[in-house]
Every structure is written in structure tokens, then in C-alpha cells.
PDB file of all heavy atoms in Angstrom:
ATOM      1  N   LYS A   1     -12.113  21.195  -2.050  1.00  0.00           N
ATOM      2  CA  LYS A   1     -11.105  21.760  -1.146  1.00  0.00           C
ATOM      3  C   LYS A   1     -10.370  20.621  -0.444  1.00  0.00           C
ATOM      4  O   LYS A   1     -10.989  19.720   0.110  1.00  0.00           O
ATOM      5  CB  LYS A   1     -11.742  22.679  -0.121  1.00  0.00           C
ATOM      6  CG  LYS A   1     -12.408  23.895  -0.746  1.00  0.00           C
ATOM      7  CD  LYS A   1     -12.449  25.031   0.239  1.00  0.00           C
ATOM      8  CE  LYS A   1     -13.197  26.242  -0.263  1.00  0.00           C
ATOM      9  NZ  LYS A   1     -12.919  26.737  -1.522  1.00  0.00           N
ATOM     10  N   LEU A   2      -9.024  20.701  -0.477  1.00  0.00           N
ATOM     11  CA  LEU A   2      -8.209  19.693   0.183  1.00  0.00           C
ATOM     12  C   LEU A   2      -8.380  19.798   1.691  1.00  0.00           C
ATOM     13  O   LEU A   2      -8.250  20.878   2.271  1.00  0.00           O
ATOM     14  CB  LEU A   2      -6.734  19.887  -0.188  1.00  0.00           C
ATOM     15  CG  LEU A   2      -5.761  18.941   0.500  1.00  0.00           C
ATOM     16  CD1 LEU A   2      -5.917  17.526  -0.051  1.00  0.00           C
ATOM     17  CD2 LEU A   2      -4.346  19.423   0.313  1.00  0.00           C
ATOM     18  N   LYS A   3      -8.678  18.685   2.320  1.00  0.00           N
ATOM     19  CA  LYS A   3      -8.837  18.653   3.777  1.00  0.00           C
ATOM     20  C   LYS A   3      -7.602  18.062   4.450  1.00  0.00           C
ATOM     21  O   LYS A   3      -7.181  18.533   5.503  1.00  0.00           O
ATOM     22  CB  LYS A   3     -10.084  17.850   4.173  1.00  0.00           C
ATOM     23  CG  LYS A   3     -11.372  18.511   3.703  1.00  0.00           C
ATOM     24  CD  LYS A   3     -11.499  19.886   4.309  1.00  0.00           C
ATOM     25  CE  LYS A   3     -12.713  20.628   3.836  1.00  0.00           C
ATOM     26  NZ  LYS A   3     -12.784  21.988   4.300  1.00  0.00           N
ATOM     27  N   GLU A   4      -7.039  17.028   3.885  1.00  0.00           N
ATOM     28  CA  GLU A   4      -5.813  16.428   4.414  1.00  0.00           C
ATOM     29  C   GLU A   4      -5.198  15.541   3.339  1.00  0.00           C
ATOM     30  O   GLU A   4      -5.856  15.156   2.387  1.00  0.00           O
ATOM     31  CB  GLU A   4      -6.075  15.635   5.688  1.00  0.00           C
ATOM     32  CG  GLU A   4      -7.017  14.455   5.509  1.00  0.00           C
ATOM     33  CD  GLU A   4      -7.272  13.717   6.804  1.00  0.00           C
ATOM     34  OE1 GLU A   4      -6.458  12.824   7.133  1.00  0.00           O
ATOM     35  OE2 GLU A   4      -8.260  14.035   7.469  1.00  0.00           O
ATOM     36  N   GLY A   5      -3.916  15.249   3.517  1.00  0.00           N
ATOM     37  CA  GLY A   5      -3.246  14.414   2.538  1.00  0.00           C
ATOM     38  C   GLY A   5      -2.009  13.750   3.123  1.00  0.00           C
ATOM     39  O   GLY A   5      -1.395  14.262   4.060  1.00  0.00           O
ATOM     40  N   THR A   6      -1.685  12.597   2.549  1.00  0.00           N
ATOM     41  CA  THR A   6      -0.509  11.840   2.969  1.00  0.00           C
ATOM     42  C   THR A   6       0.203  11.348   1.719  1.00  0.00           C
ATOM     43  O   THR A   6      -0.442  10.942   0.750  1.00  0.00           O
ATOM     44  CB  THR A   6      -0.914  10.632   3.840  1.00  0.00           C
ATOM     45  OG1 THR A   6      -1.743  11.085   4.899  1.00  0.00           O
ATOM     46  CG2 THR A   6       0.300   9.924   4.404  1.00  0.00           C
ATOM     47  N   ILE A   7       1.538  11.386   1.753  1.00  0.00           N
ATOM     48  CA  ILE A   7       2.339  10.915   0.624  1.00  0.00           C
ATOM     49  C   ILE A   7       3.390   9.944   1.155  1.00  0.00           C
ATOM     50  O   ILE A   7       3.967  10.164   2.225  1.00  0.00           O
ATOM     51  CB  ILE A   7       3.025  12.093  -0.099  1.00  0.00           C
ATOM     52  CG1 ILE A   7       1.979  13.084  -0.612  1.00  0.00           C
ATOM     53  CG2 ILE A   7       3.892  11.596  -1.255  1.00  0.00           C
ATOM     54  CD1 ILE A   7       2.554  14.328  -1.248  1.00  0.00           C
ATOM     55  N   TRP A   8       3.645   8.874   0.374  1.00  0.00           N
ATOM     56  CA  TRP A   8       4.653   7.889   0.720  1.00  0.00           C
ATOM     57  C   TRP A   8       5.692   7.809  -0.391  1.00  0.00           C
ATOM     58  O   TRP A   8       5.362   7.966  -1.568  1.00  0.00           O
ATOM     59  CB  TRP A   8       4.019   6.511   0.895  1.00  0.00           C
ATOM     60  CG  TRP A   8       3.017   6.456   1.995  1.00  0.00           C
ATOM     61  CD1 TRP A   8       3.253   6.146   3.301  1.00  0.00           C
ATOM     62  CD2 TRP A   8       1.610   6.720   1.908  1.00  0.00           C
ATOM     63  NE1 TRP A   8       2.090   6.206   4.028  1.00  0.00           N
ATOM     64  CE2 TRP A   8       1.062   6.553   3.193  1.00  0.00           C
ATOM     65  CE3 TRP A   8       0.758   7.082   0.864  1.00  0.00           C
ATOM     66  CZ2 TRP A   8      -0.286   6.727   3.462  1.00  0.00           C
ATOM     67  CZ3 TRP A   8      -0.576   7.259   1.134  1.00  0.00           C
ATOM     68  CH2 TRP A   8      -1.097   7.088   2.422  1.00  0.00           C
ATOM     69  N   ASN A   9       6.942   7.558  -0.038  1.00  0.00           N
ATOM     70  CA  ASN A   9       7.973   7.348  -1.061  1.00  0.00           C
ATOM     71  C   ASN A   9       7.895   5.907  -1.560  1.00  0.00           C
ATOM     72  O   ASN A   9       7.063   5.117  -1.084  1.00  0.00           O
ATOM     73  CB  ASN A   9       9.369   7.718  -0.546  1.00  0.00           C
ATOM     74  CG  ASN A   9       9.849   6.845   0.596  1.00  0.00           C
ATOM     75  OD1 ASN A   9       9.335   5.754   0.845  1.00  0.00           O
ATOM     76  ND2 ASN A   9      10.841   7.333   1.319  1.00  0.00           N
ATOM     77  N   GLU A  10       8.770   5.551  -2.483  1.00  0.00           N
ATOM     78  CA  GLU A  10       8.728   4.207  -3.077  1.00  0.00           C
ATOM     79  C   GLU A  10       9.063   3.111  -2.077  1.00  0.00           C
ATOM     80  O   GLU A  10       8.747   1.947  -2.312  1.00  0.00           O
ATOM     81  CB  GLU A  10       9.660   4.142  -4.287  1.00  0.00           C
ATOM     82  CG  GLU A  10       9.145   5.016  -5.425  1.00  0.00           C
ATOM     83  CD  GLU A  10       9.981   4.892  -6.677  1.00  0.00           C
ATOM     84  OE1 GLU A  10      10.122   3.766  -7.188  1.00  0.00           O
ATOM     85  OE2 GLU A  10      10.480   5.932  -7.133  1.00  0.00           O
ATOM     86  N   ASP A  11       9.681   3.468  -0.953  1.00  0.00           N
ATOM     87  CA  ASP A  11       9.983   2.487   0.093  1.00  0.00           C
ATOM     88  C   ASP A  11       8.825   2.319   1.072  1.00  0.00           C
ATOM     89  O   ASP A  11       8.915   1.538   2.016  1.00  0.00           O
ATOM     90  CB  ASP A  11      11.234   2.922   0.874  1.00  0.00           C
ATOM     91  CG  ASP A  11      12.474   2.948   0.000  1.00  0.00           C
ATOM     92  OD1 ASP A  11      12.566   2.125  -0.939  1.00  0.00           O
ATOM     93  OD2 ASP A  11      13.344   3.806   0.243  1.00  0.00           O
ATOM     94  N   GLY A  12       7.748   3.106   0.883  1.00  0.00           N
ATOM     95  CA  GLY A  12       6.587   3.013   1.756  1.00  0.00           C
ATOM     96  C   GLY A  12       6.654   3.918   2.968  1.00  0.00           C
ATOM     97  O   GLY A  12       5.788   3.864   3.837  1.00  0.00           O
ATOM     98  N   ASN A  13       7.682   4.775   3.029  1.00  0.00           N
ATOM     99  CA  ASN A  13       7.817   5.702   4.152  1.00  0.00           C
ATOM    100  C   ASN A  13       7.081   7.008   3.861  1.00  0.00           C
ATOM    101  O   ASN A  13       7.158   7.528   2.751  1.00  0.00           O
ATOM    102  CB  ASN A  13       9.289   6.006   4.421  1.00  0.00           C
ATOM    103  CG  ASN A  13      10.066   4.760   4.791  1.00  0.00           C
ATOM    104  OD1 ASN A  13       9.609   3.958   5.608  1.00  0.00           O
ATOM    105  ND2 ASN A  13      11.216   4.576   4.182  1.00  0.00           N
ATOM    106  N   GLU A  14       6.401   7.532   4.880  1.00  0.00           N
ATOM    107  CA  GLU A  14       5.683   8.794   4.715  1.00  0.00           C
ATOM    108  C   GLU A  14       6.681   9.935   4.515  1.00  0.00           C
ATOM    109  O   GLU A  14       7.712  10.000   5.170  1.00  0.00           O
ATOM    110  CB  GLU A  14       4.813   9.064   5.936  1.00  0.00           C
ATOM    111  CG  GLU A  14       3.836  10.196   5.746  1.00  0.00           C
ATOM    112  CD  GLU A  14       2.844  10.319   6.894  1.00  0.00           C
ATOM    113  OE1 GLU A  14       2.425   9.285   7.448  1.00  0.00           O
ATOM    114  OE2 GLU A  14       2.504  11.468   7.227  1.00  0.00           O
ATOM    115  N   VAL A  15       6.360  10.837   3.571  1.00  0.00           N
ATOM    116  CA  VAL A  15       7.199  12.000   3.284  1.00  0.00           C
ATOM    117  C   VAL A  15       6.363  13.265   3.405  1.00  0.00           C
ATOM    118  O   VAL A  15       5.142  13.205   3.511  1.00  0.00           O
ATOM    119  CB  VAL A  15       7.839  11.914   1.870  1.00  0.00           C
ATOM    120  CG1 VAL A  15       8.774  10.717   1.770  1.00  0.00           C
ATOM    121  CG2 VAL A  15       6.777  11.849   0.786  1.00  0.00           C
ATOM    122  N   SER A  16       7.027  14.419   3.373  1.00  0.00           N
ATOM    123  CA  SER A  16       6.321  15.699   3.468  1.00  0.00           C
ATOM    124  C   SER A  16       5.341  15.851   2.313  1.00  0.00           C
ATOM    125  O   SER A  16       5.662  15.542   1.165  1.00  0.00           O
ATOM    126  CB  SER A  16       7.316  16.862   3.439  1.00  0.00           C
ATOM    127  OG  SER A  16       8.168  16.803   4.537  1.00  0.00           O
ATOM    128  N   TRP A  17       4.172  16.373   2.623  1.00  0.00           N
ATOM    129  CA  TRP A  17       3.129  16.566   1.619  1.00  0.00           C
ATOM    130  C   TRP A  17       3.512  17.690   0.662  1.00  0.00           C
ATOM    131  O   TRP A  17       4.121  18.682   1.068  1.00  0.00           O
ATOM    132  CB  TRP A  17       1.801  16.893   2.302  1.00  0.00           C
ATOM    133  CG  TRP A  17       0.655  16.954   1.348  1.00  0.00           C
ATOM    134  CD1 TRP A  17      -0.154  15.921   0.988  1.00  0.00           C
ATOM    135  CD2 TRP A  17       0.190  18.096   0.630  1.00  0.00           C
ATOM    136  NE1 TRP A  17      -1.091  16.345   0.083  1.00  0.00           N
ATOM    137  CE2 TRP A  17      -0.892  17.689  -0.160  1.00  0.00           C
ATOM    138  CE3 TRP A  17       0.595  19.415   0.558  1.00  0.00           C
ATOM    139  CZ2 TRP A  17      -1.582  18.544  -0.994  1.00  0.00           C
ATOM    140  CZ3 TRP A  17      -0.096  20.272  -0.274  1.00  0.00           C
ATOM    141  CH2 TRP A  17      -1.172  19.837  -1.034  1.00  0.00           C
ATOM    142  N   TYR A  18       3.163  17.563  -0.612  1.00  0.00           N
ATOM    143  CA  TYR A  18       3.336  18.608  -1.621  1.00  0.00           C
ATOM    144  C   TYR A  18       2.136  18.556  -2.557  1.00  0.00           C
ATOM    145  O   TYR A  18       1.499  17.510  -2.699  1.00  0.00           O
ATOM    146  CB  TYR A  18       4.660  18.437  -2.389  1.00  0.00           C
ATOM    147  CG  TYR A  18       4.851  17.059  -2.989  1.00  0.00           C
ATOM    148  CD1 TYR A  18       4.286  16.716  -4.220  1.00  0.00           C
ATOM    149  CD2 TYR A  18       5.585  16.097  -2.317  1.00  0.00           C
ATOM    150  CE1 TYR A  18       4.453  15.460  -4.767  1.00  0.00           C
ATOM    151  CE2 TYR A  18       5.760  14.835  -2.864  1.00  0.00           C
ATOM    152  CZ  TYR A  18       5.195  14.517  -4.085  1.00  0.00           C
ATOM    153  OH  TYR A  18       5.363  13.268  -4.628  1.00  0.00           O
ATOM    154  N   PRO A  19       1.806  19.679  -3.208  1.00  0.00           N
ATOM    155  CA  PRO A  19       0.638  19.689  -4.100  1.00  0.00           C
ATOM    156  C   PRO A  19       0.845  18.786  -5.316  1.00  0.00           C
ATOM    157  O   PRO A  19       1.981  18.603  -5.770  1.00  0.00           O
ATOM    158  CB  PRO A  19       0.521  21.145  -4.554  1.00  0.00           C
ATOM    159  CG  PRO A  19       1.576  21.902  -3.844  1.00  0.00           C
ATOM    160  CD  PRO A  19       2.442  20.964  -3.100  1.00  0.00           C
ATOM    161  N   THR A  20      -0.244  18.271  -5.855  1.00  0.00           N
ATOM    162  CA  THR A  20      -0.174  17.431  -7.043  1.00  0.00           C
ATOM    163  C   THR A  20       0.336  18.246  -8.224  1.00  0.00           C
ATOM    164  O   THR A  20       1.163  17.783  -8.994  1.00  0.00           O
ATOM    165  CB  THR A  20      -1.569  16.862  -7.387  1.00  0.00           C
ATOM    166  OG1 THR A  20      -2.055  16.162  -6.250  1.00  0.00           O
ATOM    167  CG2 THR A  20      -1.502  15.929  -8.562  1.00  0.00           C
ATOM    168  N   GLU A  21      -0.157  19.468  -8.373  1.00  0.00           N
ATOM    169  CA  GLU A  21       0.270  20.347  -9.462  1.00  0.00           C
ATOM    170  C   GLU A  21       0.555  21.737  -8.908  1.00  0.00           C
ATOM    171  O   GLU A  21      -0.177  22.235  -8.055  1.00  0.00           O
ATOM    172  CB  GLU A  21      -0.803  20.458 -10.542  1.00  0.00           C
ATOM    173  CG  GLU A  21      -1.019  19.185 -11.304  1.00  0.00           C
ATOM    174  CD  GLU A  21      -2.042  19.343 -12.418  1.00  0.00           C
ATOM    175  OE1 GLU A  21      -2.823  20.305 -12.407  1.00  0.00           O
ATOM    176  OE2 GLU A  21      -2.066  18.474 -13.300  1.00  0.00           O
ATOM    177  N   GLU A  22       1.639  22.334  -9.411  1.00  0.00           N
ATOM    178  CA  GLU A  22       1.972  23.717  -9.068  1.00  0.00           C
ATOM    179  C   GLU A  22       2.179  24.479 -10.360  1.00  0.00           C
ATOM    180  O   GLU A  22       2.894  24.014 -11.250  1.00  0.00           O
ATOM    181  CB  GLU A  22       3.257  23.774  -8.231  1.00  0.00           C
ATOM    182  CG  GLU A  22       3.129  23.151  -6.873  1.00  0.00           C
ATOM    183  CD  GLU A  22       4.443  23.189  -6.108  1.00  0.00           C
ATOM    184  OE1 GLU A  22       4.968  24.300  -5.900  1.00  0.00           O
ATOM    185  OE2 GLU A  22       4.939  22.115  -5.749  1.00  0.00           O
ATOM    186  N   ARG A  23       1.577  25.624 -10.459  1.00  0.00           N
ATOM    187  CA  ARG A  23       1.710  26.463 -11.648  1.00  0.00           C
ATOM    188  C   ARG A  23       3.056  27.188 -11.614  1.00  0.00           C
ATOM    189  O   ARG A  23       3.565  27.491 -10.547  1.00  0.00           O
ATOM    190  CB  ARG A  23       0.577  27.475 -11.696  1.00  0.00           C
ATOM    191  CG  ARG A  23      -0.806  26.821 -11.749  1.00  0.00           C
ATOM    192  CD  ARG A  23      -1.900  27.858 -11.637  1.00  0.00           C
ATOM    193  NE  ARG A  23      -1.959  28.729 -12.773  1.00  0.00           N
ATOM    194  CZ  ARG A  23      -2.711  28.514 -13.848  1.00  0.00           C
ATOM    195  NH1 ARG A  23      -3.466  27.460 -13.899  1.00  0.00           N
ATOM    196  NH2 ARG A  23      -2.709  29.365 -14.844  1.00  0.00           N
ATOM    197  N   PRO A  24       3.594  27.510 -12.799  1.00  0.00           N
ATOM    198  CA  PRO A  24       4.810  28.327 -12.821  1.00  0.00           C
ATOM    199  C   PRO A  24       4.513  29.692 -12.210  1.00  0.00           C
ATOM    200  O   PRO A  24       3.372  30.160 -12.242  1.00  0.00           O
ATOM    201  CB  PRO A  24       5.116  28.495 -14.307  1.00  0.00           C
ATOM    202  CG  PRO A  24       4.272  27.519 -15.019  1.00  0.00           C
ATOM    203  CD  PRO A  24       3.120  27.184 -14.135  1.00  0.00           C
ATOM    204  N   GLU A  25       5.547  30.325 -11.658  1.00  0.00           N
ATOM    205  CA  GLU A  25       5.330  31.643 -11.066  1.00  0.00           C
ATOM    206  C   GLU A  25       6.487  32.576 -11.407  1.00  0.00           C
ATOM    207  O   GLU A  25       7.655  32.207 -11.290  1.00  0.00           O
ATOM    208  CB  GLU A  25       5.193  31.533  -9.547  1.00  0.00           C
ATOM    209  CG  GLU A  25       4.843  32.862  -8.911  1.00  0.00           C
ATOM    210  CD  GLU A  25       4.573  32.748  -7.425  1.00  0.00           C
ATOM    211  OE1 GLU A  25       5.473  32.358  -6.689  1.00  0.00           O
ATOM    212  OE2 GLU A  25       3.445  33.068  -7.023  1.00  0.00           O
ATOM    213  N   PHE A  26       6.134  33.772 -11.834  1.00  0.00           N
ATOM    214  CA  PHE A  26       7.106  34.825 -12.093  1.00  0.00           C
ATOM    215  C   PHE A  26       7.764  35.180 -10.760  1.00  0.00           C
ATOM    216  O   PHE A  26       7.099  35.175  -9.727  1.00  0.00           O
ATOM    217  CB  PHE A  26       6.385  36.045 -12.683  1.00  0.00           C
ATOM    218  CG  PHE A  26       7.297  37.141 -13.143  1.00  0.00           C
ATOM    219  CD1 PHE A  26       7.881  37.099 -14.405  1.00  0.00           C
ATOM    220  CD2 PHE A  26       7.576  38.210 -12.312  1.00  0.00           C
ATOM    221  CE1 PHE A  26       8.719  38.120 -14.834  1.00  0.00           C
ATOM    222  CE2 PHE A  26       8.421  39.237 -12.726  1.00  0.00           C
ATOM    223  CZ  PHE A  26       8.990  39.182 -13.998  1.00  0.00           C
ATOM    224  N   PRO A  27       9.081  35.499 -10.755  1.00  0.00           N
ATOM    225  CA  PRO A  27       9.730  35.849  -9.487  1.00  0.00           C
ATOM    226  C   PRO A  27       9.018  37.017  -8.799  1.00  0.00           C
ATOM    227  O   PRO A  27       8.875  38.075  -9.383  1.00  0.00           O
ATOM    228  CB  PRO A  27      11.143  36.259  -9.890  1.00  0.00           C
ATOM    229  CG  PRO A  27      11.316  35.876 -11.307  1.00  0.00           C
ATOM    230  CD  PRO A  27       9.971  35.604 -11.896  1.00  0.00           C
ATOM    231  N   GLY A  28       8.539  36.792  -7.600  1.00  0.00           N
ATOM    232  CA  GLY A  28       7.820  37.829  -6.864  1.00  0.00           C
ATOM    233  C   GLY A  28       6.317  37.747  -7.036  1.00  0.00           C
ATOM    234  O   GLY A  28       5.579  38.511  -6.429  1.00  0.00           O
ATOM    235  N   GLY A  29       5.843  36.845  -7.903  1.00  0.00           N
ATOM    236  CA  GLY A  29       4.409  36.639  -8.063  1.00  0.00           C
ATOM    237  C   GLY A  29       3.751  37.506  -9.123  1.00  0.00           C
ATOM    238  O   GLY A  29       4.403  38.183  -9.920  1.00  0.00           O
ATOM    239  N   GLN A  30       2.433  37.489  -9.126  1.00  0.00           N
ATOM    240  CA  GLN A  30       1.625  38.169 -10.143  1.00  0.00           C
ATOM    241  C   GLN A  30       1.829  39.683 -10.133  1.00  0.00           C
ATOM    242  O   GLN A  30       1.916  40.310 -11.182  1.00  0.00           O
ATOM    243  CB  GLN A  30       0.145  37.831  -9.917  1.00  0.00           C
ATOM    244  CG  GLN A  30      -0.763  38.226 -11.048  1.00  0.00           C
ATOM    245  CD  GLN A  30      -0.530  37.396 -12.302  1.00  0.00           C
ATOM    246  OE1 GLN A  30       0.053  36.326 -12.278  1.00  0.00           O
ATOM    247  NE2 GLN A  30      -0.973  37.910 -13.429  1.00  0.00           N
TER     248      GLN A  30
END
């Protein structure tokens, strides 16, 4: 289970966190 995360851009600046992988989703969900 993810507890916390940090992401940096190529310039070394922190950016908004996003998941490593996201599955495709039908419009409106399952």
C-alpha cells in the first residue's frame, strides 16, 4: 500500500504526484 510519494521533473523541481500505472477506463467506469 502506497503511504507517500514525491515526484520531480527533469529540472529537479517537485511536481504533483501521479500513479506509476493507470489502467484504461471505459467512460463512466465499470
